[in-house]
């Protein structure tokens, strides 16, 4: 069973119900185990929220080391919904400590160079993606139901016909992980 990560936040409490659904492939596993392909902000926060309701997850991240600031990095601006999600995961305080409060949006006219300043109704938090990942990972790595594995990616996913669980998740190093659910949080070219 493949879940859309954007729907996961709406239905995270229903994962246990899904595992007991008559058409679910995971009858042999009584406790859900979710494999999350991608250890960025979405994948890590998903693992924390699953942990908070007692569901085991394995986060599989292809990059060996966390991102560092580079030409591929970008800044993020977290609005109220983003801050609320981080707060539910217990990550908001560390993000506030490293981020910058943004009370205004700035627009530069490309022809004249004039700057227009627009106040924000609610301040946001600005920070780089690598800093956001670092803050969330600090919380996730010490949780009892979260396993984080770096340096290997997901190569394929199949139905498990041997009774070990609903799915078999194959990693690039040959490891096979039985799972009840999988979440693709590894970008727009996801193999999940």
N, C-alpha and C. Protein backbone atom coordinates (compact mmCIF):
# COMPACT_ATOMS: atom_id res chain seq x y z
N UNK A 1 0.85 -1.16 0.00
CA UNK A 1 0.00 0.00 0.00
C UNK A 1 0.90 1.23 0.00
N UNK A 2 0.77 2.12 -0.96
CA UNK A 2 1.62 3.29 -1.06
C UNK A 2 0.80 4.51 -0.67
N UNK A 3 1.35 5.31 0.25
CA UNK A 3 0.66 6.50 0.72
C UNK A 3 1.30 7.74 0.15
N UNK A 4 0.51 8.70 -0.18
CA UNK A 4 0.98 10.01 -0.61
C UNK A 4 1.38 10.77 0.64
N UNK A 5 2.64 11.29 0.73
CA UNK A 5 3.07 11.95 1.96
C UNK A 5 2.24 13.18 2.31
N UNK A 6 1.66 13.86 1.33
CA UNK A 6 0.85 15.02 1.65
C UNK A 6 -0.46 14.60 2.32
N UNK A 7 -0.93 13.38 2.04
CA UNK A 7 -2.14 12.88 2.68
C UNK A 7 -1.84 12.27 4.04
N UNK A 8 -0.58 11.91 4.28
CA UNK A 8 -0.23 11.25 5.51
C UNK A 8 -0.53 12.12 6.72
N UNK A 9 -0.28 13.42 6.62
CA UNK A 9 -0.52 14.29 7.76
C UNK A 9 -2.00 14.40 8.06
N UNK A 10 -2.85 14.21 7.06
CA UNK A 10 -4.28 14.25 7.28
C UNK A 10 -4.79 12.96 7.86
N UNK A 11 -4.09 11.84 7.60
CA UNK A 11 -4.62 10.54 7.98
C UNK A 11 -3.65 9.72 8.82
N UNK A 12 -2.75 10.36 9.51
CA UNK A 12 -1.73 9.63 10.25
C UNK A 12 -2.33 8.71 11.31
N UNK A 13 -3.43 9.11 11.91
CA UNK A 13 -4.08 8.27 12.92
C UNK A 13 -4.75 7.05 12.32
N UNK A 14 -4.96 7.04 11.03
CA UNK A 14 -5.67 5.92 10.42
C UNK A 14 -4.72 4.81 9.95
N UNK A 15 -3.41 4.93 10.14
CA UNK A 15 -2.49 3.89 9.70
C UNK A 15 -2.79 2.56 10.38
N UNK A 16 -3.11 2.60 11.67
CA UNK A 16 -3.42 1.35 12.36
C UNK A 16 -4.69 0.75 11.77
N UNK A 17 -5.69 1.59 11.51
CA UNK A 17 -6.92 1.09 10.90
C UNK A 17 -6.64 0.51 9.52
N UNK A 18 -5.76 1.13 8.73
CA UNK A 18 -5.42 0.62 7.41
C UNK A 18 -4.82 -0.77 7.49
N UNK A 19 -3.99 -1.01 8.50
CA UNK A 19 -3.32 -2.30 8.60
C UNK A 19 -4.30 -3.43 8.92
N UNK A 20 -5.49 -3.10 9.41
CA UNK A 20 -6.49 -4.12 9.72
C UNK A 20 -7.60 -4.16 8.68
N UNK A 21 -7.46 -3.40 7.61
CA UNK A 21 -8.45 -3.38 6.53
C UNK A 21 -8.45 -4.75 5.85
N UNK A 22 -9.63 -5.29 5.45
CA UNK A 22 -9.68 -6.63 4.85
C UNK A 22 -8.86 -6.78 3.57
N UNK A 23 -8.61 -5.70 2.84
CA UNK A 23 -7.85 -5.78 1.59
C UNK A 23 -6.37 -5.44 1.77
N UNK A 24 -5.96 -5.18 3.01
CA UNK A 24 -4.56 -4.85 3.26
C UNK A 24 -3.70 -6.10 3.11
N UNK A 25 -2.52 -5.93 2.54
CA UNK A 25 -1.61 -7.04 2.30
C UNK A 25 -0.82 -7.41 3.55
N UNK A 26 -1.01 -6.71 4.65
CA UNK A 26 -0.11 -6.83 5.78
C UNK A 26 -0.72 -7.56 6.96
N UNK A 27 -1.57 -8.54 6.74
CA UNK A 27 -2.22 -9.26 7.83
C UNK A 27 -1.22 -9.99 8.73
N UNK A 28 -0.07 -10.42 8.16
CA UNK A 28 0.90 -11.15 8.96
C UNK A 28 1.60 -10.25 9.97
N UNK A 29 1.61 -8.96 9.75
CA UNK A 29 2.24 -8.04 10.68
C UNK A 29 1.14 -7.36 11.48
N UNK A 30 1.17 -7.50 12.79
CA UNK A 30 0.12 -6.91 13.60
C UNK A 30 0.44 -5.46 13.96
N UNK A 31 1.70 -5.11 13.96
CA UNK A 31 2.09 -3.74 14.28
C UNK A 31 2.60 -3.07 13.01
N UNK A 32 2.06 -1.92 12.66
CA UNK A 32 2.54 -1.25 11.44
C UNK A 32 4.02 -0.91 11.51
N UNK A 33 4.69 -1.03 10.38
CA UNK A 33 6.06 -0.58 10.22
C UNK A 33 6.11 0.17 8.89
N UNK A 34 6.41 1.47 8.97
CA UNK A 34 6.41 2.34 7.81
C UNK A 34 7.85 2.60 7.38
N UNK A 35 8.14 2.37 6.11
CA UNK A 35 9.44 2.75 5.55
C UNK A 35 9.25 4.08 4.86
N UNK A 36 10.10 5.03 5.20
CA UNK A 36 10.04 6.37 4.62
C UNK A 36 11.27 6.56 3.74
N UNK A 37 11.05 6.68 2.45
CA UNK A 37 12.14 6.88 1.52
C UNK A 37 12.39 8.38 1.39
N UNK A 38 13.46 8.85 2.04
CA UNK A 38 13.81 10.27 2.03
C UNK A 38 13.94 10.83 3.43
N UNK A 39 15.12 11.36 3.74
CA UNK A 39 15.39 11.90 5.07
C UNK A 39 15.48 13.40 5.10
N UNK A 40 14.66 14.07 4.28
CA UNK A 40 14.58 15.53 4.33
C UNK A 40 13.57 15.95 5.37
N UNK A 41 13.16 17.22 5.36
CA UNK A 41 12.21 17.71 6.36
C UNK A 41 10.92 16.90 6.41
N UNK A 42 10.32 16.59 5.26
CA UNK A 42 9.06 15.85 5.24
C UNK A 42 9.19 14.43 5.76
N UNK A 43 10.22 13.71 5.33
CA UNK A 43 10.42 12.34 5.77
C UNK A 43 10.73 12.25 7.26
N UNK A 44 11.60 13.13 7.73
CA UNK A 44 11.97 13.10 9.15
C UNK A 44 10.80 13.49 10.05
N UNK A 45 10.05 14.51 9.66
CA UNK A 45 8.91 14.93 10.47
C UNK A 45 7.83 13.85 10.48
N UNK A 46 7.64 13.17 9.35
CA UNK A 46 6.70 12.06 9.30
C UNK A 46 7.10 10.98 10.29
N UNK A 47 8.39 10.65 10.37
CA UNK A 47 8.86 9.62 11.30
C UNK A 47 8.60 10.03 12.75
N UNK A 48 8.77 11.30 13.06
CA UNK A 48 8.53 11.78 14.42
C UNK A 48 7.05 11.67 14.77
N UNK A 49 6.18 12.10 13.85
CA UNK A 49 4.75 12.05 14.12
C UNK A 49 4.26 10.62 14.25
N UNK A 50 4.80 9.70 13.45
CA UNK A 50 4.46 8.29 13.59
C UNK A 50 4.93 7.76 14.94
N UNK A 51 6.14 8.09 15.34
CA UNK A 51 6.67 7.69 16.64
C UNK A 51 5.74 8.14 17.76
N UNK A 52 5.24 9.36 17.65
CA UNK A 52 4.40 9.92 18.70
C UNK A 52 3.09 9.18 18.90
N UNK A 53 2.69 8.38 17.91
CA UNK A 53 1.49 7.55 18.08
C UNK A 53 1.85 6.07 18.15
N UNK A 54 3.13 5.78 18.39
CA UNK A 54 3.58 4.42 18.63
C UNK A 54 3.84 3.57 17.42
N UNK A 55 4.01 4.18 16.25
CA UNK A 55 4.25 3.41 15.03
C UNK A 55 5.73 3.47 14.66
N UNK A 56 6.31 2.29 14.41
CA UNK A 56 7.71 2.19 14.03
C UNK A 56 7.90 2.68 12.59
N UNK A 57 9.04 3.34 12.36
CA UNK A 57 9.37 3.75 11.00
C UNK A 57 10.87 3.63 10.78
N UNK A 58 11.23 3.40 9.52
CA UNK A 58 12.62 3.38 9.10
C UNK A 58 12.77 4.44 8.03
N UNK A 59 13.61 5.44 8.29
CA UNK A 59 13.87 6.50 7.32
C UNK A 59 15.11 6.11 6.53
N UNK A 60 14.96 6.01 5.22
CA UNK A 60 16.06 5.61 4.34
C UNK A 60 16.46 6.83 3.52
N UNK A 61 17.68 7.31 3.73
CA UNK A 61 18.17 8.51 3.05
C UNK A 61 19.39 8.16 2.21
N UNK A 62 19.32 8.48 0.94
CA UNK A 62 20.40 8.14 0.01
C UNK A 62 21.71 8.88 0.32
N UNK A 63 21.62 10.14 0.74
CA UNK A 63 22.83 10.92 1.05
C UNK A 63 23.51 10.36 2.30
N UNK A 64 24.81 10.19 2.22
CA UNK A 64 25.56 9.65 3.35
C UNK A 64 25.60 10.61 4.53
N UNK A 65 25.77 11.89 4.22
CA UNK A 65 25.84 12.92 5.26
C UNK A 65 24.72 13.93 5.06
N UNK A 66 24.30 14.57 6.15
CA UNK A 66 23.28 15.62 6.00
C UNK A 66 23.79 16.72 5.06
N UNK A 67 22.85 17.38 4.39
CA UNK A 67 23.20 18.48 3.48
C UNK A 67 23.98 19.56 4.21
N UNK A 68 24.88 20.17 3.47
CA UNK A 68 25.54 21.37 3.95
C UNK A 68 25.15 22.48 3.00
N UNK A 69 25.34 23.71 3.42
CA UNK A 69 24.99 24.84 2.57
C UNK A 69 25.83 24.78 1.30
N UNK A 70 25.17 24.84 0.15
CA UNK A 70 25.88 24.77 -1.12
C UNK A 70 25.09 25.55 -2.16
N UNK A 71 25.56 25.48 -3.40
CA UNK A 71 24.86 26.18 -4.47
C UNK A 71 23.50 25.56 -4.74
N UNK A 72 23.27 24.30 -4.30
CA UNK A 72 21.98 23.65 -4.47
C UNK A 72 21.04 23.92 -3.31
N UNK A 73 21.52 24.58 -2.25
CA UNK A 73 20.69 24.86 -1.08
C UNK A 73 19.80 26.06 -1.34
N UNK A 74 18.81 26.18 -0.51
CA UNK A 74 17.93 27.32 -0.63
C UNK A 74 17.36 27.66 0.74
N UNK A 75 16.88 28.88 0.86
CA UNK A 75 16.28 29.31 2.11
C UNK A 75 14.80 28.98 2.10
N UNK A 76 14.26 28.76 3.28
CA UNK A 76 12.84 28.45 3.41
C UNK A 76 12.22 29.47 4.34
N UNK A 77 10.95 29.67 4.17
CA UNK A 77 10.19 30.56 5.03
C UNK A 77 9.01 29.76 5.57
N UNK A 78 9.00 29.50 6.85
CA UNK A 78 7.96 28.67 7.46
C UNK A 78 6.80 29.53 7.94
N UNK A 79 5.62 29.27 7.40
CA UNK A 79 4.43 30.00 7.81
C UNK A 79 3.79 29.33 9.02
N UNK A 80 2.59 29.73 9.38
CA UNK A 80 1.91 29.19 10.56
C UNK A 80 1.70 27.68 10.46
N UNK A 81 1.32 27.19 9.29
CA UNK A 81 1.10 25.74 9.13
C UNK A 81 2.40 24.98 9.31
N UNK A 82 3.49 25.48 8.75
CA UNK A 82 4.78 24.83 8.93
C UNK A 82 5.23 24.85 10.37
N UNK A 83 5.04 25.98 11.04
CA UNK A 83 5.41 26.08 12.45
C UNK A 83 4.55 25.14 13.30
N UNK A 84 3.28 25.02 12.98
CA UNK A 84 2.39 24.12 13.72
C UNK A 84 2.83 22.67 13.57
N UNK A 85 3.19 22.26 12.35
CA UNK A 85 3.66 20.89 12.13
C UNK A 85 4.94 20.62 12.92
N UNK A 86 5.87 21.57 12.90
CA UNK A 86 7.11 21.41 13.67
C UNK A 86 6.84 21.37 15.16
N UNK A 87 5.88 22.15 15.62
CA UNK A 87 5.51 22.16 17.03
C UNK A 87 4.95 20.80 17.45
N UNK A 88 4.09 20.21 16.61
CA UNK A 88 3.54 18.88 16.91
C UNK A 88 4.64 17.83 16.96
N UNK A 89 5.70 18.04 16.21
CA UNK A 89 6.83 17.10 16.23
C UNK A 89 7.86 17.40 17.29
N UNK A 90 7.68 18.48 18.04
CA UNK A 90 8.64 18.83 19.09
C UNK A 90 9.92 19.45 18.56
N UNK A 91 9.86 20.02 17.36
CA UNK A 91 11.06 20.58 16.71
C UNK A 91 11.06 22.11 16.64
N UNK A 92 9.94 22.74 16.95
CA UNK A 92 9.81 24.17 16.71
C UNK A 92 10.81 25.01 17.50
N UNK A 93 11.05 24.68 18.74
CA UNK A 93 11.95 25.50 19.56
C UNK A 93 13.35 25.56 18.97
N UNK A 94 13.87 24.42 18.51
CA UNK A 94 15.22 24.43 17.95
C UNK A 94 15.26 25.19 16.62
N UNK A 95 14.16 25.15 15.86
CA UNK A 95 14.10 25.90 14.61
C UNK A 95 14.06 27.40 14.89
N UNK A 96 13.31 27.80 15.90
CA UNK A 96 13.25 29.22 16.27
C UNK A 96 14.64 29.72 16.69
N UNK A 97 15.41 28.88 17.39
CA UNK A 97 16.73 29.27 17.85
C UNK A 97 17.71 29.53 16.71
N UNK A 98 17.62 28.75 15.62
CA UNK A 98 18.57 28.91 14.53
C UNK A 98 18.04 29.76 13.38
N UNK A 99 16.72 29.93 13.32
CA UNK A 99 16.12 30.68 12.22
C UNK A 99 16.03 32.17 12.51
N UNK A 100 15.51 32.91 11.55
CA UNK A 100 15.32 34.35 11.68
C UNK A 100 13.85 34.67 11.52
N UNK A 101 13.33 35.47 12.43
CA UNK A 101 11.94 35.89 12.30
C UNK A 101 11.82 36.87 11.13
N UNK A 102 10.83 36.62 10.28
CA UNK A 102 10.61 37.47 9.11
C UNK A 102 9.25 38.16 9.27
N UNK A 103 9.30 39.47 9.48
CA UNK A 103 8.06 40.23 9.66
C UNK A 103 7.61 40.92 8.37
N UNK A 104 8.48 40.92 7.36
CA UNK A 104 8.18 41.61 6.11
C UNK A 104 8.56 40.74 4.92
N UNK A 105 7.88 40.98 3.81
CA UNK A 105 8.29 40.42 2.51
C UNK A 105 8.84 41.57 1.70
N UNK A 106 9.93 41.31 0.99
CA UNK A 106 10.56 42.35 0.19
C UNK A 106 10.50 41.96 -1.28
N UNK A 107 10.14 42.91 -2.10
CA UNK A 107 10.08 42.73 -3.55
C UNK A 107 10.95 43.78 -4.21
N UNK A 108 11.81 43.34 -5.11
CA UNK A 108 12.70 44.26 -5.81
C UNK A 108 12.26 44.35 -7.27
N UNK A 109 12.06 45.58 -7.74
CA UNK A 109 11.72 45.80 -9.14
C UNK A 109 13.00 45.60 -9.95
N UNK A 110 12.98 44.63 -10.87
CA UNK A 110 14.16 44.29 -11.65
C UNK A 110 14.63 45.40 -12.57
N UNK A 111 13.74 46.31 -12.96
CA UNK A 111 14.13 47.39 -13.87
C UNK A 111 14.65 48.60 -13.12
N UNK A 112 13.96 48.99 -12.05
CA UNK A 112 14.32 50.22 -11.35
C UNK A 112 15.17 49.98 -10.11
N UNK A 113 15.12 48.77 -9.56
CA UNK A 113 15.85 48.49 -8.33
C UNK A 113 15.09 48.93 -7.09
N UNK A 114 13.88 49.49 -7.29
CA UNK A 114 13.08 49.92 -6.14
C UNK A 114 12.68 48.70 -5.30
N UNK A 115 12.70 48.88 -3.98
CA UNK A 115 12.33 47.81 -3.05
C UNK A 115 10.97 48.15 -2.44
N UNK A 116 10.07 47.20 -2.49
CA UNK A 116 8.76 47.36 -1.88
C UNK A 116 8.70 46.44 -0.66
N UNK A 117 8.31 46.99 0.47
CA UNK A 117 8.24 46.23 1.72
C UNK A 117 6.78 46.01 2.08
N UNK A 118 6.40 44.76 2.29
CA UNK A 118 5.03 44.43 2.66
C UNK A 118 5.06 43.71 4.00
N UNK A 119 4.37 44.27 5.01
CA UNK A 119 4.34 43.60 6.32
C UNK A 119 3.58 42.27 6.22
N UNK A 120 4.04 41.28 6.96
CA UNK A 120 3.36 39.98 7.02
C UNK A 120 2.34 40.04 8.16
N UNK A 121 1.19 39.45 7.95
CA UNK A 121 0.17 39.40 9.00
C UNK A 121 0.69 38.60 10.20
N UNK A 122 1.34 37.47 9.91
CA UNK A 122 1.93 36.64 10.96
C UNK A 122 3.41 36.44 10.58
N UNK A 123 4.32 36.69 11.50
CA UNK A 123 5.74 36.49 11.18
C UNK A 123 6.04 35.04 10.81
N UNK A 124 6.97 34.86 9.89
CA UNK A 124 7.41 33.52 9.53
C UNK A 124 8.83 33.33 10.06
N UNK A 125 9.35 32.12 9.87
CA UNK A 125 10.71 31.83 10.28
C UNK A 125 11.50 31.50 9.02
N UNK A 126 12.60 32.20 8.82
CA UNK A 126 13.46 31.95 7.66
C UNK A 126 14.71 31.21 8.08
N UNK A 127 15.06 30.16 7.32
CA UNK A 127 16.29 29.42 7.57
C UNK A 127 16.61 28.58 6.34
N UNK A 128 17.80 28.03 6.29
CA UNK A 128 18.19 27.19 5.16
C UNK A 128 17.61 25.79 5.33
N UNK A 129 17.45 25.10 4.21
CA UNK A 129 16.97 23.72 4.27
C UNK A 129 17.92 22.83 5.10
N UNK A 130 19.25 22.94 4.93
CA UNK A 130 20.14 22.12 5.76
C UNK A 130 19.95 22.35 7.26
N UNK A 131 19.73 23.59 7.67
CA UNK A 131 19.51 23.86 9.09
C UNK A 131 18.20 23.25 9.57
N UNK A 132 17.16 23.31 8.73
CA UNK A 132 15.88 22.72 9.09
C UNK A 132 16.02 21.21 9.25
N UNK A 133 16.71 20.55 8.32
CA UNK A 133 16.93 19.10 8.42
C UNK A 133 17.70 18.77 9.70
N UNK A 134 18.72 19.55 10.00
CA UNK A 134 19.51 19.31 11.21
C UNK A 134 18.65 19.38 12.47
N UNK A 135 17.79 20.39 12.56
CA UNK A 135 16.91 20.55 13.73
C UNK A 135 15.96 19.37 13.88
N UNK A 136 15.35 18.93 12.78
CA UNK A 136 14.39 17.83 12.84
C UNK A 136 15.11 16.51 13.12
N UNK A 137 16.27 16.31 12.51
CA UNK A 137 17.01 15.07 12.71
C UNK A 137 17.47 14.90 14.15
N UNK A 138 17.82 16.00 14.82
CA UNK A 138 18.23 15.94 16.23
C UNK A 138 17.14 15.33 17.09
N UNK A 139 15.89 15.66 16.78
CA UNK A 139 14.77 15.10 17.53
C UNK A 139 14.53 13.65 17.13
N UNK A 140 14.51 13.36 15.83
CA UNK A 140 14.17 12.03 15.33
C UNK A 140 15.15 10.95 15.74
N UNK A 141 16.45 11.27 15.76
CA UNK A 141 17.46 10.22 15.95
C UNK A 141 17.41 9.56 17.33
N UNK A 142 16.83 10.22 18.32
CA UNK A 142 16.79 9.66 19.67
C UNK A 142 15.45 9.03 20.03
N UNK A 143 14.54 8.94 19.09
CA UNK A 143 13.21 8.40 19.38
C UNK A 143 13.21 6.87 19.31
N UNK A 144 12.42 6.22 20.17
CA UNK A 144 12.46 4.75 20.24
C UNK A 144 11.91 4.02 19.01
N UNK A 145 11.00 4.64 18.27
CA UNK A 145 10.38 3.95 17.13
C UNK A 145 10.90 4.44 15.79
N UNK A 146 12.02 5.18 15.79
CA UNK A 146 12.56 5.73 14.54
C UNK A 146 13.96 5.15 14.31
N UNK A 147 14.16 4.61 13.11
CA UNK A 147 15.48 4.15 12.70
C UNK A 147 15.85 4.99 11.48
N UNK A 148 17.00 5.65 11.52
CA UNK A 148 17.48 6.48 10.42
C UNK A 148 18.70 5.80 9.80
N UNK A 149 18.62 5.57 8.51
CA UNK A 149 19.74 4.93 7.80
C UNK A 149 20.15 5.82 6.64
N UNK A 150 21.41 6.24 6.63
CA UNK A 150 21.95 7.11 5.58
C UNK A 150 22.90 6.33 4.68
N UNK A 151 23.05 6.84 3.46
CA UNK A 151 24.03 6.29 2.54
C UNK A 151 23.52 5.17 1.65
N UNK A 152 22.23 4.94 1.65
CA UNK A 152 21.64 3.92 0.79
C UNK A 152 20.23 4.36 0.41
N UNK A 153 19.85 4.08 -0.81
CA UNK A 153 18.52 4.47 -1.28
C UNK A 153 17.63 3.26 -1.49
N UNK A 154 16.36 3.51 -1.74
CA UNK A 154 15.40 2.47 -2.06
C UNK A 154 15.52 2.17 -3.56
N UNK A 155 15.66 0.89 -3.91
CA UNK A 155 15.75 0.54 -5.33
C UNK A 155 14.41 0.07 -5.88
N UNK A 156 13.60 -0.62 -5.05
CA UNK A 156 12.29 -1.05 -5.52
C UNK A 156 11.42 -1.48 -4.34
N UNK A 157 10.13 -1.63 -4.62
CA UNK A 157 9.15 -2.06 -3.63
C UNK A 157 8.26 -3.10 -4.30
N UNK A 158 8.04 -4.23 -3.60
CA UNK A 158 7.14 -5.25 -4.13
C UNK A 158 6.16 -5.70 -3.05
N UNK A 159 5.09 -6.34 -3.48
CA UNK A 159 4.18 -7.00 -2.53
C UNK A 159 4.92 -8.20 -1.96
N UNK A 160 4.68 -8.47 -0.68
CA UNK A 160 5.32 -9.62 -0.04
C UNK A 160 4.36 -10.80 -0.14
N UNK A 161 4.75 -11.81 -0.85
CA UNK A 161 3.91 -13.00 -1.01
C UNK A 161 4.34 -14.14 -0.09
N UNK A 162 5.30 -13.88 0.81
CA UNK A 162 5.80 -14.92 1.70
C UNK A 162 5.29 -14.77 3.12
N UNK A 163 4.39 -13.85 3.37
CA UNK A 163 3.80 -13.72 4.69
C UNK A 163 4.61 -12.93 5.70
N UNK A 164 5.70 -12.27 5.27
CA UNK A 164 6.51 -11.49 6.21
C UNK A 164 5.92 -10.12 6.50
N UNK A 165 5.06 -9.66 5.66
CA UNK A 165 4.45 -8.35 5.82
C UNK A 165 3.77 -7.98 4.53
N UNK A 166 3.26 -6.80 4.46
CA UNK A 166 2.54 -6.37 3.27
C UNK A 166 3.42 -6.01 2.10
N UNK A 167 4.62 -5.50 2.38
CA UNK A 167 5.52 -5.03 1.33
C UNK A 167 6.94 -5.49 1.62
N UNK A 168 7.72 -5.53 0.57
CA UNK A 168 9.16 -5.75 0.71
C UNK A 168 9.84 -4.55 0.07
N UNK A 169 10.66 -3.87 0.85
CA UNK A 169 11.37 -2.69 0.37
C UNK A 169 12.82 -3.09 0.16
N UNK A 170 13.28 -2.99 -1.10
CA UNK A 170 14.64 -3.38 -1.46
C UNK A 170 15.52 -2.15 -1.49
N UNK A 171 16.64 -2.22 -0.77
CA UNK A 171 17.59 -1.12 -0.74
C UNK A 171 18.71 -1.40 -1.74
N UNK A 172 19.42 -0.35 -2.12
CA UNK A 172 20.48 -0.46 -3.13
C UNK A 172 21.63 -1.36 -2.70
N UNK A 173 21.80 -1.59 -1.39
CA UNK A 173 22.87 -2.46 -0.91
C UNK A 173 22.44 -3.92 -0.77
N UNK A 174 21.22 -4.25 -1.21
CA UNK A 174 20.72 -5.62 -1.13
C UNK A 174 19.87 -5.92 0.09
N UNK A 175 19.81 -5.02 1.05
CA UNK A 175 18.98 -5.21 2.23
C UNK A 175 17.51 -5.21 1.82
N UNK A 176 16.72 -6.07 2.47
CA UNK A 176 15.28 -6.11 2.23
C UNK A 176 14.58 -5.82 3.56
N UNK A 177 13.68 -4.86 3.56
CA UNK A 177 12.96 -4.48 4.77
C UNK A 177 11.48 -4.82 4.59
N UNK A 178 10.92 -5.70 5.44
CA UNK A 178 9.47 -5.93 5.39
C UNK A 178 8.75 -4.72 5.99
N UNK A 179 7.66 -4.31 5.39
CA UNK A 179 6.93 -3.13 5.86
C UNK A 179 5.45 -3.29 5.61
N UNK A 180 4.67 -2.53 6.34
CA UNK A 180 3.23 -2.50 6.10
C UNK A 180 2.85 -1.34 5.18
N UNK A 181 3.67 -0.28 5.21
CA UNK A 181 3.40 0.93 4.42
C UNK A 181 4.72 1.53 3.98
N UNK A 182 4.67 2.31 2.91
CA UNK A 182 5.85 3.06 2.48
C UNK A 182 5.42 4.47 2.10
N UNK A 183 6.27 5.42 2.43
CA UNK A 183 6.02 6.83 2.11
C UNK A 183 7.16 7.31 1.23
N UNK A 184 6.83 7.89 0.10
CA UNK A 184 7.84 8.48 -0.78
C UNK A 184 8.04 9.94 -0.42
N UNK A 185 9.15 10.24 0.23
CA UNK A 185 9.49 11.62 0.61
C UNK A 185 10.87 11.94 0.06
N UNK A 186 11.18 11.39 -1.10
CA UNK A 186 12.52 11.51 -1.66
C UNK A 186 12.56 12.33 -2.93
N UNK A 187 11.66 13.24 -3.09
CA UNK A 187 11.74 14.17 -4.20
C UNK A 187 10.89 13.78 -5.40
N UNK A 188 10.94 14.64 -6.40
CA UNK A 188 10.04 14.46 -7.54
C UNK A 188 10.42 13.31 -8.45
N UNK A 189 11.62 12.75 -8.34
CA UNK A 189 12.01 11.58 -9.14
C UNK A 189 12.02 10.34 -8.25
N UNK A 190 11.11 10.27 -7.32
CA UNK A 190 11.04 9.18 -6.37
C UNK A 190 10.89 7.82 -7.05
N UNK A 191 11.57 6.82 -6.49
CA UNK A 191 11.41 5.45 -6.97
C UNK A 191 10.25 4.77 -6.26
N UNK A 192 9.70 5.43 -5.28
CA UNK A 192 8.56 4.89 -4.53
C UNK A 192 7.31 5.39 -5.20
